[in-house]
Amino acid sequence: MSHFSPAEHTALAAVQLTDDERQPCEVWTRVMGYHRPVASFNTGKRGEHAERRFFAEHARGCSSAC
């Protein structure tokens, strides 16, 4: 569900930014217990970050011993 009114949706849809007006999104990740920006990684670490695979852990049902 959206928190915007129909008028706000129309206004947001009308906004178009050129590539010059956009700014890059800074991505941070946790490495060895602390957070670091991905932009500060060396070439090897950037490659490792790009190869990461994400997973979704499915909820497990409760056994009869619960």
N, C-alpha and C. Protein backbone atom coordinates (compact mmCIF):
# COMPACT_ATOMS: atom_id res chain seq x y z
N MET A 1 0.84 -1.18 0.00
CA MET A 1 0.00 0.00 0.00
C MET A 1 0.89 1.24 0.00
N SER A 2 0.51 2.23 -0.76
CA SER A 2 1.29 3.44 -0.89
C SER A 2 0.80 4.50 0.09
N HIS A 3 1.72 5.33 0.54
CA HIS A 3 1.38 6.42 1.45
C HIS A 3 1.11 7.72 0.71
N PHE A 4 1.19 7.69 -0.62
CA PHE A 4 0.98 8.89 -1.42
C PHE A 4 -0.45 8.98 -1.91
N SER A 5 -0.95 10.20 -1.98
CA SER A 5 -2.28 10.42 -2.53
C SER A 5 -2.20 10.33 -4.05
N PRO A 6 -3.33 10.20 -4.73
CA PRO A 6 -3.30 10.17 -6.21
C PRO A 6 -2.63 11.41 -6.81
N ALA A 7 -2.87 12.58 -6.20
CA ALA A 7 -2.24 13.81 -6.70
C ALA A 7 -0.72 13.75 -6.54
N GLU A 8 -0.26 13.18 -5.42
CA GLU A 8 1.19 13.05 -5.21
C GLU A 8 1.79 12.05 -6.18
N HIS A 9 1.08 10.96 -6.48
CA HIS A 9 1.57 10.00 -7.48
C HIS A 9 1.74 10.68 -8.83
N THR A 10 0.79 11.51 -9.21
CA THR A 10 0.86 12.22 -10.48
C THR A 10 2.06 13.16 -10.50
N ALA A 11 2.28 13.87 -9.39
CA ALA A 11 3.40 14.81 -9.31
C ALA A 11 4.73 14.06 -9.37
N LEU A 12 4.82 12.93 -8.67
CA LEU A 12 6.06 12.15 -8.69
C LEU A 12 6.33 11.56 -10.07
N ALA A 13 5.29 11.14 -10.76
CA ALA A 13 5.45 10.57 -12.09
C ALA A 13 5.93 11.63 -13.08
N ALA A 14 5.60 12.90 -12.82
CA ALA A 14 5.98 13.98 -13.73
C ALA A 14 7.45 14.38 -13.55
N VAL A 15 8.06 14.02 -12.45
CA VAL A 15 9.46 14.39 -12.19
C VAL A 15 10.37 13.49 -13.01
N GLN A 16 11.19 14.10 -13.83
CA GLN A 16 12.17 13.37 -14.64
C GLN A 16 13.52 14.02 -14.43
N LEU A 17 14.49 13.24 -13.99
CA LEU A 17 15.84 13.75 -13.78
C LEU A 17 16.74 13.31 -14.93
N THR A 18 17.61 14.22 -15.32
CA THR A 18 18.62 13.85 -16.32
C THR A 18 19.75 13.12 -15.58
N ASP A 19 20.61 12.46 -16.31
CA ASP A 19 21.73 11.76 -15.68
C ASP A 19 22.65 12.72 -14.94
N ASP A 20 22.75 13.97 -15.42
CA ASP A 20 23.59 14.97 -14.75
C ASP A 20 23.02 15.37 -13.39
N GLU A 21 21.70 15.27 -13.22
CA GLU A 21 21.06 15.66 -11.97
C GLU A 21 21.05 14.55 -10.92
N ARG A 22 21.33 13.34 -11.35
CA ARG A 22 21.32 12.21 -10.42
C ARG A 22 22.63 12.14 -9.66
N GLN A 23 22.57 11.52 -8.48
CA GLN A 23 23.80 11.28 -7.73
C GLN A 23 23.91 9.79 -7.46
N PRO A 24 25.13 9.29 -7.38
CA PRO A 24 25.29 7.85 -7.18
C PRO A 24 24.85 7.44 -5.78
N CYS A 25 24.33 6.24 -5.69
CA CYS A 25 23.92 5.67 -4.43
C CYS A 25 25.14 4.99 -3.79
N GLU A 26 25.44 5.34 -2.56
CA GLU A 26 26.59 4.74 -1.89
C GLU A 26 26.14 3.44 -1.23
N VAL A 27 26.78 2.34 -1.60
CA VAL A 27 26.43 1.02 -1.08
C VAL A 27 27.45 0.63 -0.02
N TRP A 28 26.95 0.24 1.14
CA TRP A 28 27.81 -0.22 2.23
C TRP A 28 27.52 -1.69 2.49
N THR A 29 28.51 -2.40 3.00
CA THR A 29 28.33 -3.79 3.35
C THR A 29 29.16 -4.10 4.58
N ARG A 30 28.82 -5.18 5.24
CA ARG A 30 29.53 -5.58 6.45
C ARG A 30 30.68 -6.50 6.08
N VAL A 31 31.88 -6.14 6.51
CA VAL A 31 33.07 -6.93 6.23
C VAL A 31 33.84 -7.11 7.53
N MET A 32 34.05 -8.36 7.90
CA MET A 32 34.85 -8.69 9.09
C MET A 32 34.39 -7.92 10.33
N GLY A 33 33.07 -7.81 10.53
CA GLY A 33 32.54 -7.22 11.75
C GLY A 33 32.32 -5.73 11.74
N TYR A 34 32.63 -5.05 10.67
CA TYR A 34 32.36 -3.61 10.60
C TYR A 34 31.87 -3.26 9.21
N HIS A 35 31.27 -2.09 9.06
CA HIS A 35 30.68 -1.68 7.79
C HIS A 35 31.66 -0.81 7.01
N ARG A 36 31.70 -1.06 5.69
CA ARG A 36 32.58 -0.32 4.79
C ARG A 36 31.83 0.01 3.50
N PRO A 37 32.12 1.15 2.88
CA PRO A 37 31.53 1.43 1.58
C PRO A 37 32.16 0.55 0.50
N VAL A 38 31.35 0.02 -0.39
CA VAL A 38 31.85 -0.86 -1.44
C VAL A 38 32.81 -0.10 -2.36
N ALA A 39 32.62 1.21 -2.50
CA ALA A 39 33.49 2.01 -3.37
C ALA A 39 34.94 2.00 -2.88
N SER A 40 35.17 1.72 -1.59
CA SER A 40 36.54 1.72 -1.07
C SER A 40 37.23 0.37 -1.22
N PHE A 41 36.52 -0.63 -1.74
CA PHE A 41 37.10 -1.97 -1.90
C PHE A 41 38.15 -1.97 -3.01
N ASN A 42 39.12 -2.87 -2.87
CA ASN A 42 40.07 -3.08 -3.96
C ASN A 42 39.40 -3.96 -5.02
N THR A 43 40.07 -4.19 -6.13
CA THR A 43 39.48 -4.91 -7.26
C THR A 43 39.03 -6.32 -6.87
N GLY A 44 39.85 -7.02 -6.10
CA GLY A 44 39.50 -8.38 -5.70
C GLY A 44 38.28 -8.44 -4.81
N LYS A 45 38.21 -7.55 -3.84
CA LYS A 45 37.07 -7.53 -2.92
C LYS A 45 35.80 -7.11 -3.65
N ARG A 46 35.91 -6.20 -4.64
CA ARG A 46 34.73 -5.83 -5.43
C ARG A 46 34.22 -7.03 -6.22
N GLY A 47 35.14 -7.83 -6.74
CA GLY A 47 34.75 -9.04 -7.46
C GLY A 47 34.04 -10.03 -6.55
N GLU A 48 34.56 -10.21 -5.33
CA GLU A 48 33.91 -11.10 -4.37
C GLU A 48 32.51 -10.59 -4.03
N HIS A 49 32.38 -9.28 -3.86
CA HIS A 49 31.08 -8.69 -3.53
C HIS A 49 30.09 -8.93 -4.66
N ALA A 50 30.54 -8.81 -5.89
CA ALA A 50 29.66 -9.01 -7.05
C ALA A 50 29.20 -10.46 -7.19
N GLU A 51 30.01 -11.40 -6.69
CA GLU A 51 29.67 -12.82 -6.80
C GLU A 51 28.80 -13.33 -5.66
N ARG A 52 28.49 -12.49 -4.69
CA ARG A 52 27.68 -12.93 -3.55
C ARG A 52 26.30 -13.39 -4.02
N ARG A 53 25.81 -14.40 -3.35
CA ARG A 53 24.48 -14.93 -3.65
C ARG A 53 23.61 -14.71 -2.43
N PHE A 54 22.37 -14.29 -2.66
CA PHE A 54 21.44 -14.03 -1.58
C PHE A 54 20.47 -15.19 -1.47
N PHE A 55 20.00 -15.44 -0.29
CA PHE A 55 19.05 -16.51 -0.09
C PHE A 55 17.94 -16.03 0.84
N ALA A 56 16.83 -16.72 0.78
CA ALA A 56 15.71 -16.45 1.68
C ALA A 56 15.51 -17.65 2.56
N GLU A 57 15.59 -17.45 3.86
CA GLU A 57 15.40 -18.54 4.79
C GLU A 57 13.92 -18.73 5.02
N HIS A 58 13.43 -19.91 4.75
CA HIS A 58 12.01 -20.20 4.92
C HIS A 58 11.73 -20.53 6.38
N ALA A 59 10.58 -20.10 6.86
CA ALA A 59 10.20 -20.37 8.24
C ALA A 59 9.97 -21.86 8.42
N ARG A 60 10.43 -22.39 9.52
CA ARG A 60 10.24 -23.81 9.80
C ARG A 60 9.07 -23.97 10.76
N GLY A 61 8.34 -25.04 10.58
CA GLY A 61 7.22 -25.32 11.47
C GLY A 61 7.73 -25.85 12.80
N CYS A 62 6.93 -25.75 13.78
CA CYS A 62 7.28 -26.22 15.11
C CYS A 62 7.04 -27.72 15.20
N SER A 63 7.99 -28.44 15.77
CA SER A 63 7.80 -29.88 15.94
C SER A 63 6.90 -30.14 17.15
N SER A 64 6.54 -31.36 17.38
CA SER A 64 5.65 -31.69 18.49
C SER A 64 6.31 -31.49 19.83
N ALA A 65 7.64 -31.31 19.85
CA ALA A 65 8.36 -31.11 21.10
C ALA A 65 8.33 -29.67 21.58
N CYS A 66 7.68 -28.74 20.82
CA CYS A 66 7.66 -27.33 21.20
C CYS A 66 6.88 -27.07 22.45
